[in-house]
Structures are given as structure tokens and as C-alpha cells.
Amino acid sequence: MKVKISKYQGAGNDFIILDNRKGSIDLSKEQIKLLCDRRFGVGADGLMYLDSSDKFDFSMKFFNADGNEGTMCGNGGRCLVAFAAHNGIKKFHFQAIDGEHTGKVLKYSPKTSEVEIRMIDVNGIKEHSPKSFFLNTGSPHLVIFVDNLQDYDVDKNGRLWRNHPMFKGGTNVNFVQGNWGKDSSGWSQSLEPGSTMELSVRTFERGVEAETFACGTGITAASLAYHRLLSKNSSNRFGREEVFPVDIHSKVKALGGELEVNFKYLGNDKYTNIILKGPATFVFECEISI
């Protein structure tokens, strides 16, 4: 069988995309795994179908590199919006496994576009330890704050928590370093309205079973968890309900580039209008026999 594939990447998080609006493509788990294999196939962190939809402009079906259907992929969603735009689709209200999303192409080019998507709302963050949190941003994520991210053993510790029995079905694991430690309280960043959080993230992804260059739902989870951590520890934390809602901005460094996560905090660990923004780049397209 011959299929036309396109490859895209968002901050180094790379995907194979197929236009399946006619519904004629149904790859097996083994075929998807082969295509995503970096030695014996094309190589990617995941594979997506752009499917048709009766209620939305299109729908997104995402598969992990291991061939299994996955949960929501934030960078994948951004790349799918760029692919849709390159194929003549003008509106980007789409359905994914975790619900509906809206995308926007902020800067368009045939090669690299800037794309944002709205993620699902998050209602509740579970404190796993004083410096780690568990939450779901369309995919489950454990967020662990560390002091020396550059030299941290992401593979060893990622595998430990990814398969830990306390997380039913497994979890993605994010190791995060924020900009703290410059004042007497140990926290340098302010949560004043209009301020920007800055953090760096490395992610061990479930389904890839390795560290990836970026993870959209993970970067989103890290930003929300960092806000939660600063709210708990900062002397500038919001303590009065009348200050809500408030807009929070974050700039996030991943191995493959920089992204932004902006959101509205409603108080009581409730987050809405969560926007993931960054580059979505066309790599190549080809026809392949499989």
C-alpha cells in the first residue's frame, strides 16, 4: 500500500501526518510503529490522521511512536493546524481525544508558521510532594522541580516514575527548573499580574519511552505546576479572591526550542483559556510504500 505522508516538527517534537479526510487509511499498529522508528522507518515521536468531522472543521487522531493510540498531544495539535492550513483549511476548530480545541495560525509561511492552540481547562492539581505535582492537561503528567536540569538524569528518573504503580496506566514525567533562589524567601519570581514566568523543561514521554525534544501537554503541565508552586511559596502569592481571575504568561525552554503558555487563573487550582504557542515547521512530504 502506498500512502502520502508529511513530516512536521514543533520545537523538535516531530510527527508524521496523513490526510485521512476520505477515510481510506487504516494503518495497523505495526505499520505505525515502523513508520515512527528512527532506524528502520521515517522516524517520529508520533503519527497523526487529519480526519473529517461532522461537527468540527476536522478531527485529530494521534498515535504514539509505539503504535498505540495516544492521549492528547499539544505540539502535535499545533503541527496538525499548520498541516491543515497548508492544505487549504481556513478554520481550525477541531476535535481530539480529550475534547474540542481551537487553533490559530499567527504567522503563516510554507515552511515555518507560528501556531497556537487552546488546551482543555484544568480543574485541580495534586501535590505529590513539596516540589512535585500531578495533573492532566489532556495527557497525564508528573511534574518534578529540580535544581540542575542540564545535568539531570532524565532517562533513569523518567523511567522510574513513568512506570511507577501509583500512576495507573503510566504517566509522562517532566523535570523542571524555574528561576528561583534570588531573594531571602528562595523565590525570585513574582506572581503580580502581567509578570512572565520563565522555566526550562525536559520530558520523558509515555509511548515514546524516551526523552523528547519538547512535549506540548508537558510544557503546559509544567507551567501550571510552576504557577502552583510559586503561589504556595512566594511572598507575592495571591491570597485574596477579589484578585481573580488573573492572566498568567510563561516562557518555556525545551531541548528543541522555546514555547509560550498563557492562561487565566480562576483561583482554587482552576485554570482556563490555556494557550500553547510556538513554531510548527514543515519538514518534508513523500509517498511511501508500506
Protein backbone atom coordinates (compact mmCIF):
# COMPACT_ATOMS: atom_id res chain seq x y z
CA MET A 1 0.00 0.00 0.00
CA LYS A 2 1.23 3.46 -0.91
CA VAL A 3 0.42 6.44 1.30
CA LYS A 4 1.36 10.10 1.13
CA ILE A 5 2.92 11.34 4.34
CA SER A 6 4.08 14.72 5.58
CA LYS A 7 6.53 15.31 8.38
CA TYR A 8 6.29 18.30 10.71
CA GLN A 9 8.05 19.32 13.91
CA GLY A 10 7.26 21.73 16.72
CA ALA A 11 10.33 22.65 18.78
CA GLY A 12 11.91 19.32 17.79
CA ASN A 13 8.81 17.28 18.68
CA ASP A 14 8.30 15.57 15.30
CA PHE A 15 5.29 13.91 13.70
CA ILE A 16 4.18 12.02 10.62
CA ILE A 17 0.83 13.36 9.36
CA LEU A 18 -1.61 11.77 6.92
CA ASP A 19 -4.65 13.42 5.34
CA ASN A 20 -7.39 10.90 6.03
CA ARG A 21 -10.47 13.02 5.34
CA LYS A 22 -11.66 10.40 2.84
CA GLY A 23 -11.35 7.71 5.50
CA SER A 24 -9.37 5.36 3.25
CA ILE A 25 -6.30 4.95 5.51
CA ASP A 26 -6.24 2.45 8.35
CA LEU A 27 -2.66 1.66 9.33
CA SER A 28 -2.01 -1.19 11.71
CA LYS A 29 -0.18 -0.79 15.00
CA GLU A 30 2.85 -2.50 13.43
CA GLN A 31 2.83 -0.14 10.43
CA ILE A 32 2.63 2.96 12.62
CA LYS A 33 5.42 1.68 14.84
CA LEU A 34 7.58 1.00 11.75
CA LEU A 35 6.99 4.45 10.27
CA CYS A 36 7.90 6.12 13.58
CA ASP A 37 11.04 4.00 14.07
CA ARG A 38 14.17 6.16 13.72
CA ARG A 39 16.35 3.38 12.35
CA PHE A 40 14.02 1.29 10.21
CA GLY A 41 11.35 3.83 9.28
CA VAL A 42 10.83 7.54 8.72
CA GLY A 43 11.30 8.44 12.38
CA ALA A 44 8.92 10.45 14.56
CA ASP A 45 7.61 10.91 18.10
CA GLY A 46 4.13 10.11 16.86
CA LEU A 47 1.76 9.82 13.90
CA MET A 48 -1.50 11.67 13.26
CA TYR A 49 -4.50 11.44 10.99
CA LEU A 50 -6.28 14.59 9.86
CA ASP A 51 -9.80 13.14 9.81
CA SER A 52 -13.09 14.64 8.69
CA SER A 53 -15.73 15.66 11.22
CA ASP A 54 -19.46 16.37 11.07
CA LYS A 55 -19.39 18.89 13.92
CA PHE A 56 -15.92 20.42 13.61
CA ASP A 57 -13.62 21.66 10.87
CA PHE A 58 -11.64 18.41 11.25
CA SER A 59 -10.65 15.89 13.87
CA MET A 60 -7.27 14.72 15.17
CA LYS A 61 -6.34 11.12 15.77
CA PHE A 62 -2.96 10.66 17.41
CA PHE A 63 -0.79 7.56 17.75
CA ASN A 64 2.30 7.22 19.91
CA ALA A 65 5.57 6.00 18.42
CA ASP A 66 4.85 2.55 19.88
CA GLY A 67 1.85 2.25 17.55
CA ASN A 68 -0.84 2.64 20.19
CA GLU A 69 -3.45 5.36 20.03
CA GLY A 70 -2.40 8.09 22.43
CA THR A 71 -3.94 10.82 24.52
CA MET A 72 -3.76 14.49 23.57
CA CYS A 73 -0.53 15.82 22.07
CA GLY A 74 -0.13 19.60 22.28
CA ASN A 75 2.69 20.08 19.80
CA GLY A 76 1.03 17.52 17.57
CA GLY A 77 -2.14 19.59 17.62
CA ARG A 78 -0.17 22.70 16.65
CA CYS A 79 1.55 20.85 13.81
CA LEU A 80 -1.79 19.48 12.64
CA VAL A 81 -3.18 23.01 12.44
CA ALA A 82 -0.19 24.04 10.29
CA PHE A 83 -0.73 20.97 8.08
CA ALA A 84 -4.43 21.84 7.76
CA ALA A 85 -3.56 25.42 6.75
CA HIS A 86 -1.07 24.15 4.16
CA ASN A 87 -3.86 22.00 2.73
CA GLY A 88 -6.31 24.84 2.31
CA ILE A 89 -8.33 24.57 5.52
CA LYS A 90 -9.21 28.04 6.80
CA LYS A 91 -10.79 27.33 10.19
CA PHE A 92 -9.25 25.29 12.98
CA HIS A 93 -11.93 24.24 15.44
CA PHE A 94 -11.12 20.56 15.83
CA GLN A 95 -11.88 17.54 17.95
CA ALA A 96 -9.25 15.42 19.70
CA ILE A 97 -9.46 12.52 22.13
CA ASP A 98 -9.69 14.87 25.13
CA GLY A 99 -12.34 17.16 23.65
CA GLU A 100 -12.53 20.20 21.41
CA HIS A 101 -9.72 22.63 20.64
CA THR A 102 -9.36 25.83 18.67
CA GLY A 103 -6.21 26.65 16.74
CA LYS A 104 -4.93 29.87 15.24
CA VAL A 105 -2.15 30.50 12.70
CA LEU A 106 -0.44 33.64 13.95
CA LYS A 107 2.26 33.77 11.28
CA TYR A 108 1.96 31.75 8.07
CA SER A 109 4.61 30.54 5.65
CA PRO A 110 5.01 27.40 3.51
CA LYS A 111 7.84 26.32 5.82
CA THR A 112 7.58 27.55 9.41
CA SER A 113 4.43 29.01 10.90
CA GLU A 114 3.65 30.24 14.38
CA VAL A 115 0.65 28.38 15.73
CA GLU A 116 -1.32 28.43 18.95
CA ILE A 117 -3.98 26.07 20.23
CA ARG A 118 -6.30 26.27 23.17
CA MET A 119 -5.86 23.37 25.56
CA ILE A 120 -8.52 21.87 27.83
CA ASP A 121 -9.29 23.53 31.16
CA VAL A 122 -7.56 22.12 34.24
CA ASN A 123 -9.51 21.86 37.50
CA GLY A 124 -7.21 20.64 40.21
CA ILE A 125 -3.51 19.92 40.69
CA LYS A 126 -2.48 17.17 43.06
CA GLU A 127 0.56 17.86 45.21
CA HIS A 128 2.71 14.74 45.04
CA SER A 129 5.49 16.13 47.24
CA PRO A 130 6.65 19.64 48.26
CA LYS A 131 8.28 20.04 44.83
CA SER A 132 6.26 17.77 42.56
CA PHE A 133 2.71 17.79 41.23
CA PHE A 134 0.42 15.55 39.19
CA LEU A 135 -2.16 16.89 36.74
CA ASN A 136 -3.89 16.15 33.45
CA THR A 137 -3.61 18.60 30.55
CA GLY A 138 -5.12 16.20 28.02
CA SER A 139 -2.44 13.68 28.97
CA PRO A 140 -1.30 12.72 32.49
CA HIS A 141 1.84 14.44 33.73
CA LEU A 142 4.03 14.24 36.80
CA VAL A 143 5.98 17.49 37.20
CA ILE A 144 9.13 17.38 39.34
CA PHE A 145 11.15 20.52 40.14
CA VAL A 146 14.93 20.08 40.21
CA ASP A 147 17.91 22.38 40.79
CA ASN A 148 20.29 21.32 38.00
CA LEU A 149 18.22 20.39 34.96
CA GLN A 150 21.07 20.39 32.47
CA ASP A 151 22.91 17.55 34.22
CA TYR A 152 19.85 15.71 35.49
CA ASP A 153 19.49 12.01 34.58
CA VAL A 154 16.15 12.29 32.77
CA ASP A 155 16.27 8.78 31.32
CA LYS A 156 16.90 7.00 34.63
CA ASN A 157 14.47 9.02 36.72
CA GLY A 158 11.93 9.31 33.93
CA ARG A 159 11.70 5.54 33.61
CA LEU A 160 11.34 5.21 37.36
CA TRP A 161 8.28 7.44 37.60
CA ARG A 162 6.82 6.65 34.18
CA ASN A 163 6.13 3.07 35.30
CA HIS A 164 5.50 3.70 38.99
CA PRO A 165 2.50 1.66 40.23
CA MET A 166 0.88 4.70 41.85
CA PHE A 167 0.11 6.05 38.35
CA LYS A 168 -2.45 3.73 36.80
CA GLY A 169 -1.74 3.40 33.09
CA GLY A 170 1.58 5.19 33.49
CA THR A 171 2.42 8.87 33.23
CA ASN A 172 4.59 11.32 31.35
CA VAL A 173 7.33 12.79 33.53
CA ASN A 174 8.58 16.37 33.37
CA PHE A 175 11.68 17.70 35.11
CA VAL A 176 11.56 21.45 35.53
CA GLN A 177 13.89 24.21 36.62
CA GLY A 178 12.46 27.65 37.29
CA ASN A 179 14.05 30.99 38.02
CA TRP A 180 14.17 30.95 41.79
CA GLY A 181 16.63 31.48 44.63
CA LYS A 182 17.46 35.20 44.35
CA ASP A 183 15.80 36.53 47.46
CA SER A 184 15.61 35.63 51.14
CA SER A 185 12.46 33.56 50.63
CA GLY A 186 14.18 31.45 47.95
CA TRP A 187 11.77 32.61 45.23
CA SER A 188 12.76 35.23 42.71
CA GLN A 189 9.68 35.36 40.52
CA SER A 190 6.63 37.43 41.26
CA LEU A 191 3.04 36.47 40.57
CA GLU A 192 1.97 40.04 40.06
CA PRO A 193 -0.48 40.47 37.17
CA GLY A 194 1.35 40.98 33.89
CA SER A 195 4.56 39.28 35.01
CA THR A 196 6.08 36.45 32.97
CA MET A 197 7.23 33.15 34.46
CA GLU A 198 10.35 31.60 32.93
CA LEU A 199 11.18 27.92 33.17
CA SER A 200 13.05 25.10 31.45
CA VAL A 201 11.55 21.65 30.92
CA ARG A 202 12.81 18.20 29.94
CA THR A 203 10.22 15.46 29.39
CA PHE A 204 10.26 11.67 29.41
CA GLU A 205 7.28 10.76 27.23
CA ARG A 206 4.99 7.81 27.68
CA GLY A 207 4.52 5.97 24.37
CA VAL A 208 7.88 7.18 23.07
CA GLU A 209 9.55 5.70 26.18
CA ALA A 210 12.38 8.19 25.94
CA GLU A 211 13.15 11.86 26.39
CA THR A 212 11.77 14.01 23.59
CA PHE A 213 12.93 17.44 22.46
CA ALA A 214 9.64 19.00 23.60
CA CYS A 215 6.20 17.95 24.81
CA GLY A 216 3.27 20.34 24.45
CA THR A 217 1.00 18.89 27.13
CA GLY A 218 4.07 18.51 29.36
CA ILE A 219 5.17 22.11 28.88
CA THR A 220 1.61 23.16 29.65
CA ALA A 221 1.56 21.00 32.78
CA ALA A 222 4.94 22.37 33.88
CA SER A 223 3.74 25.96 33.52
CA LEU A 224 0.60 25.35 35.58
CA ALA A 225 2.56 23.42 38.21
CA TYR A 226 5.15 26.19 38.41
CA HIS A 227 2.39 28.70 38.99
CA ARG A 228 1.03 26.40 41.70
CA LEU A 229 4.48 26.15 43.30
CA LEU A 230 5.05 29.90 43.23
CA SER A 231 1.56 30.52 44.61
CA LYS A 232 2.37 28.26 47.53
CA ASN A 233 5.84 29.64 48.29
CA SER A 234 6.06 33.21 47.07
CA SER A 235 5.55 36.13 49.41
CA ASN A 236 3.70 37.73 46.48
CA ARG A 237 1.19 34.93 46.18
CA PHE A 238 -2.44 35.78 45.53
CA GLY A 239 -4.25 35.49 48.82
CA ARG A 240 -7.46 37.38 48.15
CA GLU A 241 -10.27 36.03 45.99
CA GLU A 242 -11.01 39.51 44.65
CA VAL A 243 -7.84 39.50 42.55
CA PHE A 244 -9.18 36.64 40.41
CA PRO A 245 -9.32 35.98 37.54
CA VAL A 246 -5.79 36.89 36.54
CA ASP A 247 -3.81 36.33 33.32
CA ILE A 248 -0.50 34.48 33.65
CA HIS A 249 2.22 34.32 31.00
CA SER A 250 5.12 31.89 30.78
CA LYS A 251 8.10 31.37 28.51
CA VAL A 252 9.36 27.80 28.40
CA LYS A 253 12.68 26.45 27.14
CA ALA A 254 12.71 22.86 25.86
CA LEU A 255 15.60 21.00 24.25
CA GLY A 256 14.19 21.77 20.80
CA GLY A 257 13.27 25.42 21.23
CA GLU A 258 11.10 27.88 23.08
CA LEU A 259 7.34 27.92 23.51
CA GLU A 260 4.82 30.02 25.42
CA VAL A 261 1.97 29.01 27.68
CA ASN A 262 -0.55 31.64 28.68
CA PHE A 263 -3.59 31.03 30.86
CA LYS A 264 -6.17 32.54 33.13
CA TYR A 265 -6.12 31.54 36.80
CA LEU A 266 -9.53 31.46 38.48
CA GLY A 267 -8.34 30.54 41.97
CA ASN A 268 -8.68 27.22 43.81
CA ASP A 269 -6.41 25.40 41.32
CA LYS A 270 -8.74 26.17 38.39
CA TYR A 271 -7.16 27.20 35.10
CA THR A 272 -8.89 28.19 31.88
CA ASN A 273 -8.14 29.76 28.48
CA ILE A 274 -4.86 27.81 28.38
CA ILE A 275 -2.98 28.68 25.18
CA LEU A 276 0.08 26.79 23.91
CA LYS A 277 2.04 28.79 21.33
CA GLY A 278 5.16 28.19 19.28
CA PRO A 279 6.62 27.25 15.88
CA ALA A 280 5.22 24.49 13.68
CA THR A 281 7.58 23.59 10.84
CA PHE A 282 7.08 21.59 7.65
CA VAL A 283 10.00 19.17 7.16
CA PHE A 284 9.16 17.16 4.03
CA GLU A 285 6.48 15.14 2.26
CA CYS A 286 6.74 11.94 0.26
CA GLU A 287 4.86 8.89 -0.93
CA ILE A 288 5.87 5.70 0.79
CA SER A 289 5.05 2.02 0.32
CA ILE A 290 4.25 0.14 3.46
